[in-house]
Amino acid sequence: MRKPFFISVLGMLSMFSFGRAEEFPTNAPQVAICMPVYNSELYLPMALDSALSQTLQEAEIICVDDGSTDGSLAILKSYAQKYPQKVTVLENGTNRGTCYSRMRAILAARGEFILWLDSDDILFPKTAELAYNAAIKNGADVVQFRHQSIKFIRGEQLPKMEPLKVEEKPHVRSYLGSPLHMLSCQKISPVVWDKLWRTKNLKEMAKRVLHFVEKCRIIKNEDNFFVWNALTKCEKCIFMNHVGIRHHTDSGLAAQNRNNMDFYRQWAEGLVKYSKFILENEEDPEIQKMYANWHPKVSQLGLVLRTIPLEESVRMFNEYLAAYPEELRATVRQLVKKHSGKAQPRSPAISNHCRTGAI
């Protein structure tokens, strides 16, 4: 017997509503503020307080402790106990790396969008609200905002700064072209923490890359790997003229790593491995070409190949080159050679491999 038309319509609507509810429950927060944490006890309360002070009330805070050996986990647990409806704490148990912690946070997030907050940074109070409203109004997958950058030495108190003027209605502009194209042209920054991201896209990305992240630890510039993979799932990116975050750069750690050969060796290995992963999972020739020309990645590769010992440099470069289609390899070789020549070795004892013809 044929069902009446209005019953069929109700059935279709209920199926549609159920699907939407399963993806984003009606009681889900609008934004998830996600924070990877590792040995940040001195700065962690400041970062957590900035997340809790957001003017957007419908926000959750997800913290992933990456095997901290100081008092960071205890601080996280105290905040979760004090704000059980707001703060969720996940534990890796052992140190698995920032990229792995980000994937765990993404898979746990319930909010429609995700904001990233490093455990020694500060979110300004209206950031989540302004970015969320801009994303909804413009139908954007990504909202990039401005940041204030401060250098410090870990273990020391952060410098005090004057409060910034907040634009109540910041100017918003859309990027023309695909987000990946804008990234390759350096119109979009290659960092994670100056953007609001649509959670649905990040969950799709996390499922695709989690197996790789579990096997390969990326110790330097994991932002590049994350941003490239995340933007492959995005259709529209906008820029909001609002200073949303105060980002702190550890100049002491940079100085410590400058003459650390193991650091550069691990950096090179991670960069080559994640480049191979990206290229093996991308069939579009235009996107492969964009990745080959992507300046931040090429300049970093040029630096580390010039810095590590010659034999390892040649081996890693050949691995990197082999990941590209044959028609792109000559271009890739010239790009890396060009940037290897520009890069300055971090130690006077390190030879210029490019001039010896190694690359």
Protein backbone atom coordinates (compact mmCIF):
# COMPACT_ATOMS: atom_id res chain seq x y z
CA MET A 1 0.00 0.00 0.00
CA ARG A 2 1.37 3.40 -0.97
CA LYS A 3 2.16 5.79 1.91
CA PRO A 4 0.47 9.22 1.95
CA PHE A 5 2.66 11.98 0.58
CA PHE A 6 2.90 13.94 3.87
CA ILE A 7 4.13 10.84 5.74
CA SER A 8 6.88 10.30 3.16
CA VAL A 9 7.96 13.91 3.48
CA LEU A 10 8.06 13.66 7.29
CA GLY A 11 10.14 10.51 6.99
CA MET A 12 12.62 12.21 4.69
CA LEU A 13 12.86 15.22 7.00
CA SER A 14 13.46 13.02 10.03
CA MET A 15 16.24 11.17 8.20
CA PHE A 16 17.83 14.48 7.23
CA SER A 17 17.56 15.86 10.77
CA PHE A 18 19.04 12.70 12.23
CA GLY A 19 22.05 12.92 9.92
CA ARG A 20 22.68 16.55 10.86
CA ALA A 21 22.26 15.81 14.57
CA GLU A 22 24.73 12.96 14.41
CA GLU A 23 27.36 15.24 12.86
CA PHE A 24 26.77 18.35 14.99
CA PRO A 25 24.38 17.75 17.93
CA THR A 26 22.08 20.64 18.78
CA ASN A 27 23.80 21.04 22.15
CA ALA A 28 27.29 21.07 20.60
CA PRO A 29 29.48 24.14 21.20
CA GLN A 30 30.07 26.56 18.36
CA VAL A 31 33.86 26.50 18.71
CA ALA A 32 36.36 24.02 20.17
CA ILE A 33 39.56 25.67 21.44
CA CYS A 34 42.19 22.93 21.13
CA MET A 35 45.55 23.00 22.88
CA PRO A 36 48.47 20.53 22.58
CA VAL A 37 50.47 20.69 25.84
CA TYR A 38 54.02 19.66 26.67
CA ASN A 39 56.02 20.93 29.67
CA SER A 40 54.41 24.37 29.83
CA GLU A 41 53.62 24.72 33.53
CA LEU A 42 54.95 28.29 33.74
CA TYR A 43 52.69 29.61 30.94
CA LEU A 44 49.79 27.15 30.87
CA PRO A 45 47.47 28.95 33.36
CA MET A 46 47.78 32.13 31.29
CA ALA A 47 46.82 30.26 28.09
CA LEU A 48 43.90 28.46 29.76
CA ASP A 49 42.59 31.67 31.32
CA SER A 50 42.62 33.36 27.91
CA ALA A 51 40.56 30.47 26.48
CA LEU A 52 38.09 30.64 29.36
CA SER A 53 37.77 34.43 28.97
CA GLN A 54 36.35 34.26 25.44
CA THR A 55 33.21 36.32 24.90
CA LEU A 56 31.78 33.45 22.86
CA GLN A 57 29.99 31.42 25.51
CA GLU A 58 29.37 28.32 23.40
CA ALA A 59 32.98 27.14 23.40
CA GLU A 60 34.69 23.98 24.65
CA ILE A 61 38.37 23.64 25.54
CA ILE A 62 40.19 20.42 24.65
CA CYS A 63 43.72 19.96 26.02
CA VAL A 64 45.98 17.06 25.02
CA ASP A 65 48.91 16.45 27.35
CA ASP A 66 51.79 14.97 25.37
CA GLY A 67 53.59 13.13 28.19
CA SER A 68 54.64 16.24 30.14
CA THR A 69 57.29 15.65 32.81
CA ASP A 70 56.64 18.88 34.73
CA GLY A 71 53.44 20.05 36.46
CA SER A 72 51.46 20.65 33.26
CA LEU A 73 49.15 17.65 33.59
CA ALA A 74 48.31 18.52 37.20
CA ILE A 75 47.39 22.06 36.11
CA LEU A 76 45.18 20.71 33.32
CA LYS A 77 43.38 18.36 35.70
CA SER A 78 42.77 21.18 38.19
CA TYR A 79 41.14 23.30 35.47
CA ALA A 80 39.06 20.34 34.27
CA GLN A 81 37.87 19.78 37.83
CA LYS A 82 37.02 23.47 38.29
CA TYR A 83 35.34 23.84 34.86
CA PRO A 84 33.97 20.35 34.08
CA GLN A 85 31.47 21.67 31.52
CA LYS A 86 34.17 23.55 29.61
CA VAL A 87 37.54 21.80 29.87
CA THR A 88 38.35 18.28 28.63
CA VAL A 89 41.79 16.74 29.19
CA LEU A 90 43.22 13.92 27.06
CA GLU A 91 46.52 12.16 27.83
CA ASN A 92 48.96 10.66 25.35
CA GLY A 93 50.85 8.92 28.14
CA THR A 94 54.17 9.22 26.35
CA ASN A 95 55.55 12.02 24.19
CA ARG A 96 54.05 11.47 20.71
CA GLY A 97 54.61 14.92 19.17
CA THR A 98 52.47 17.98 18.50
CA CYS A 99 50.99 16.65 15.25
CA TYR A 100 49.66 13.50 16.94
CA SER A 101 48.19 15.60 19.75
CA ARG A 102 46.40 17.78 17.20
CA MET A 103 44.82 14.71 15.58
CA ARG A 104 43.52 13.49 18.95
CA ALA A 105 42.02 16.90 19.69
CA ILE A 106 40.32 17.03 16.28
CA LEU A 107 38.72 13.61 16.69
CA ALA A 108 37.44 14.57 20.17
CA ALA A 109 36.10 18.02 19.19
CA ARG A 110 32.32 18.55 19.14
CA GLY A 111 32.29 22.20 18.06
CA GLU A 112 31.43 23.29 14.55
CA PHE A 113 34.79 25.10 14.25
CA ILE A 114 38.22 24.68 15.84
CA LEU A 115 40.63 27.32 17.13
CA TRP A 116 44.19 26.29 17.96
CA LEU A 117 46.00 27.68 20.99
CA ASP A 118 49.60 26.82 21.87
CA SER A 119 50.12 26.27 25.59
CA ASP A 120 52.32 29.39 25.91
CA ASP A 121 50.14 31.72 23.79
CA ILE A 122 47.24 34.05 24.59
CA LEU A 123 43.91 34.32 22.77
CA PHE A 124 42.44 37.81 22.91
CA PRO A 125 38.90 37.82 24.39
CA LYS A 126 36.79 38.41 21.25
CA THR A 127 38.75 36.18 18.87
CA ALA A 128 36.44 33.16 18.92
CA GLU A 129 33.29 35.28 18.65
CA LEU A 130 34.50 37.49 15.80
CA ALA A 131 36.03 34.61 13.81
CA TYR A 132 32.96 32.40 14.26
CA ASN A 133 30.57 35.17 13.19
CA ALA A 134 32.74 35.93 10.14
CA ALA A 135 32.81 32.24 9.14
CA ILE A 136 29.02 31.88 9.42
CA LYS A 137 28.26 35.14 7.63
CA ASN A 138 30.62 34.39 4.73
CA GLY A 139 30.19 30.61 4.51
CA ALA A 140 33.94 30.16 5.05
CA ASP A 141 35.84 26.97 5.88
CA VAL A 142 38.85 28.92 7.21
CA VAL A 143 39.13 32.35 8.82
CA GLN A 144 42.67 33.72 9.07
CA PHE A 145 43.31 36.62 11.44
CA ARG A 146 46.28 38.76 12.42
CA HIS A 147 48.60 38.00 15.32
CA GLN A 148 51.02 39.71 17.67
CA SER A 149 54.42 37.96 17.74
CA ILE A 150 56.68 38.13 20.81
CA LYS A 151 60.11 36.52 21.31
CA PHE A 152 60.97 35.08 24.72
CA ILE A 153 63.28 32.56 26.38
CA ARG A 154 61.51 29.55 27.87
CA GLY A 155 61.76 29.46 31.63
CA GLU A 156 61.60 33.23 31.94
CA GLN A 157 58.55 35.38 32.55
CA LEU A 158 56.83 36.70 29.43
CA PRO A 159 57.12 40.44 28.78
CA LYS A 160 54.10 42.58 29.64
CA MET A 161 52.39 44.20 26.68
CA GLU A 162 49.87 47.00 26.35
CA PRO A 163 46.30 45.86 25.51
CA LEU A 164 45.50 46.04 21.82
CA LYS A 165 42.60 47.97 20.36
CA VAL A 166 39.87 45.56 19.27
CA GLU A 167 37.85 46.23 16.12
CA GLU A 168 34.20 45.52 16.96
CA LYS A 169 33.40 45.02 13.26
CA PRO A 170 36.71 44.03 11.64
CA HIS A 171 37.06 44.24 7.87
CA VAL A 172 36.78 40.85 6.16
CA ARG A 173 37.95 39.96 2.66
CA SER A 174 37.75 36.72 0.71
CA TYR A 175 40.74 35.09 -0.93
CA LEU A 176 40.22 34.60 -4.66
CA GLY A 177 41.13 31.13 -5.84
CA SER A 178 41.45 27.82 -4.06
CA PRO A 179 42.95 27.87 -0.53
CA LEU A 180 45.82 25.61 -1.68
CA HIS A 181 46.66 28.00 -4.49
CA MET A 182 46.59 30.94 -2.06
CA LEU A 183 48.88 28.99 0.29
CA SER A 184 51.37 28.18 -2.47
CA CYS A 185 51.39 31.90 -3.43
CA GLN A 186 52.05 32.84 0.21
CA LYS A 187 48.72 34.66 0.54
CA ILE A 188 47.71 32.30 3.35
CA SER A 189 50.17 31.75 6.19
CA PRO A 190 51.62 28.23 6.66
CA VAL A 191 50.82 28.13 10.42
CA VAL A 192 47.95 26.51 12.31
CA TRP A 193 47.32 28.91 15.19
CA ASP A 194 46.21 32.10 13.35
CA LYS A 195 43.05 30.53 11.90
CA LEU A 196 39.59 29.26 12.71
CA TRP A 197 38.98 25.91 10.95
CA ARG A 198 35.74 24.11 10.07
CA THR A 199 35.77 20.95 12.18
CA LYS A 200 34.17 18.71 9.57
CA ASN A 201 37.08 19.30 7.18
CA LEU A 202 39.68 18.68 9.87
CA LYS A 203 38.03 15.42 10.92
CA GLU A 204 38.19 14.19 7.32
CA MET A 205 41.85 15.20 7.18
CA ALA A 206 42.65 13.55 10.54
CA LYS A 207 41.20 10.21 9.45
CA ARG A 208 43.34 10.35 6.31
CA VAL A 209 46.68 11.25 7.94
CA LEU A 210 46.44 9.69 11.43
CA HIS A 211 48.09 6.41 10.40
CA PHE A 212 51.05 8.33 8.94
CA VAL A 213 51.33 10.62 11.99
CA GLU A 214 51.41 7.61 14.31
CA LYS A 215 54.40 6.19 12.42
CA CYS A 216 56.34 9.35 11.51
CA ARG A 217 57.18 11.95 14.13
CA ILE A 218 57.50 15.48 12.75
CA ILE A 219 59.69 17.50 15.11
CA LYS A 220 60.01 20.75 13.17
CA ASN A 221 57.48 22.82 11.24
CA GLU A 222 54.65 20.36 11.70
CA ASP A 223 52.44 23.35 10.84
CA ASN A 224 53.42 22.99 7.18
CA PHE A 225 52.28 19.37 7.05
CA PHE A 226 49.05 20.17 8.90
CA VAL A 227 48.09 23.29 6.93
CA TRP A 228 48.70 21.76 3.49
CA ASN A 229 46.65 18.64 4.28
CA ALA A 230 43.88 20.62 5.98
CA LEU A 231 43.46 23.07 3.10
CA THR A 232 42.97 20.26 0.58
CA LYS A 233 39.52 19.81 2.17
CA CYS A 234 38.62 23.51 2.21
CA GLU A 235 36.79 25.52 -0.43
CA LYS A 236 36.69 29.07 0.94
CA CYS A 237 39.14 31.01 3.08
CA ILE A 238 38.66 34.59 4.32
CA PHE A 239 40.94 37.07 6.08
CA MET A 240 39.73 39.04 9.12
CA ASN A 241 41.56 42.25 10.00
CA HIS A 242 41.63 41.53 13.72
CA VAL A 243 44.60 40.72 15.97
CA GLY A 244 43.32 37.49 17.46
CA ILE A 245 46.27 35.91 19.24
CA ARG A 246 49.55 36.74 20.94
CA HIS A 247 52.07 34.17 19.75
CA HIS A 248 55.31 33.57 21.65
CA THR A 249 58.47 32.32 19.91
CA ASP A 250 61.15 30.64 22.00
CA SER A 251 64.38 32.30 20.84
CA GLY A 252 66.37 30.32 23.42
CA LEU A 253 65.36 27.00 21.86
CA ALA A 254 66.25 28.27 18.39
CA ALA A 255 69.74 29.18 19.59
CA GLN A 256 70.12 25.81 21.30
CA ASN A 257 69.24 23.92 18.11
CA ARG A 258 71.44 26.01 15.83
CA ASN A 259 74.45 23.71 16.04
CA ASN A 260 72.58 20.50 16.89
CA MET A 261 73.19 18.14 13.98
CA ASP A 262 70.68 15.55 15.22
CA PHE A 263 67.99 18.23 15.21
CA TYR A 264 68.63 19.06 11.54
CA ARG A 265 68.87 15.38 10.64
CA GLN A 266 65.45 14.63 12.20
CA TRP A 267 64.01 17.77 10.62
CA ALA A 268 65.18 16.61 7.17
CA GLU A 269 63.85 13.07 7.67
CA GLY A 270 60.44 14.34 8.75
CA LEU A 271 60.19 16.81 5.88
CA VAL A 272 61.12 14.21 3.25
CA LYS A 273 58.73 11.62 4.69
CA TYR A 274 55.73 13.90 4.91
CA SER A 275 56.40 15.28 1.42
CA LYS A 276 56.39 11.73 0.05
CA PHE A 277 53.13 11.03 1.90
CA ILE A 278 51.46 14.15 0.44
CA LEU A 279 52.61 13.41 -3.11
CA GLU A 280 51.68 9.72 -2.97
CA ASN A 281 48.13 10.70 -1.96
CA GLU A 282 47.69 13.43 -4.56
CA GLU A 283 46.92 12.63 -8.21
CA ASP A 284 46.15 16.15 -9.48
CA PRO A 285 49.19 17.34 -11.51
CA GLU A 286 48.42 21.01 -10.77
CA ILE A 287 48.42 20.42 -7.01
CA GLN A 288 51.65 18.40 -7.28
CA LYS A 289 53.19 21.35 -9.11
CA MET A 290 51.96 23.79 -6.46
CA TYR A 291 53.53 21.64 -3.75
CA ALA A 292 56.83 21.48 -5.66
CA ASN A 293 56.94 25.29 -5.77
CA TRP A 294 55.68 25.93 -2.23
CA HIS A 295 58.30 28.36 -0.89
CA PRO A 296 58.35 27.64 2.91
CA LYS A 297 58.81 23.92 2.33
CA VAL A 298 61.43 24.33 -0.43
CA SER A 299 63.49 26.87 1.54
CA GLN A 300 63.46 24.65 4.64
CA LEU A 301 64.50 21.63 2.60
CA GLY A 302 67.33 23.64 1.04
CA LEU A 303 68.57 24.68 4.48
CA VAL A 304 68.51 21.25 6.12
CA LEU A 305 70.06 19.45 3.12
CA ARG A 306 72.90 21.95 3.17
CA THR A 307 73.38 21.54 6.92
CA ILE A 308 73.42 17.76 7.44
CA PRO A 309 76.39 15.58 6.36
CA LEU A 310 76.88 15.19 2.62
CA GLU A 311 76.12 11.47 2.32
CA GLU A 312 72.83 11.80 4.23
CA SER A 313 71.94 14.94 2.29
CA VAL A 314 72.28 13.16 -1.07
CA ARG A 315 70.26 10.14 0.12
CA MET A 316 67.40 12.25 1.47
CA PHE A 317 67.29 14.49 -1.58
CA ASN A 318 67.07 11.45 -3.88
CA GLU A 319 64.17 10.11 -1.76
CA TYR A 320 62.43 13.47 -1.99
CA LEU A 321 62.98 13.75 -5.74
CA ALA A 322 61.72 10.22 -6.41
CA ALA A 323 58.32 11.09 -4.91
CA TYR A 324 57.59 13.49 -7.79
CA PRO A 325 56.37 12.55 -11.29
CA GLU A 326 59.18 12.41 -13.85
CA GLU A 327 58.05 15.61 -15.58
CA LEU A 328 58.45 17.68 -12.38
CA ARG A 329 61.85 16.41 -11.23
CA ALA A 330 64.01 18.84 -13.20
CA THR A 331 62.01 21.76 -11.80
CA VAL A 332 62.23 20.37 -8.25
CA ARG A 333 66.00 19.88 -8.54
CA GLN A 334 66.50 23.48 -9.67
CA LEU A 335 64.26 24.88 -6.92
CA VAL A 336 66.02 23.01 -4.13
CA LYS A 337 69.43 23.83 -5.56
CA LYS A 338 68.48 27.51 -5.72
CA HIS A 339 67.37 27.59 -2.10
CA SER A 340 70.31 25.49 -0.93
CA GLY A 341 72.60 28.10 -2.43
CA LYS A 342 70.80 30.96 -0.67
CA ALA A 343 70.66 29.28 2.74
CA GLN A 344 73.47 29.97 5.13
CA PRO A 345 74.90 26.98 7.03
CA ARG A 346 74.27 27.16 10.76
CA SER A 347 77.83 26.10 11.64
CA PRO A 348 81.11 27.21 10.02
CA ALA A 349 82.26 23.58 10.04
CA ILE A 350 79.46 22.56 7.65
CA SER A 351 80.30 22.54 3.96
CA ASN A 352 78.12 23.86 1.18
CA HIS A 353 76.94 20.65 -0.49
CA CYS A 354 75.28 22.54 -3.30
CA ARG A 355 78.59 23.95 -4.55
CA THR A 356 80.18 20.52 -4.51
CA GLY A 357 77.51 19.26 -6.91
CA ALA A 358 75.75 17.01 -4.40
CA ILE A 359 72.34 18.45 -5.32
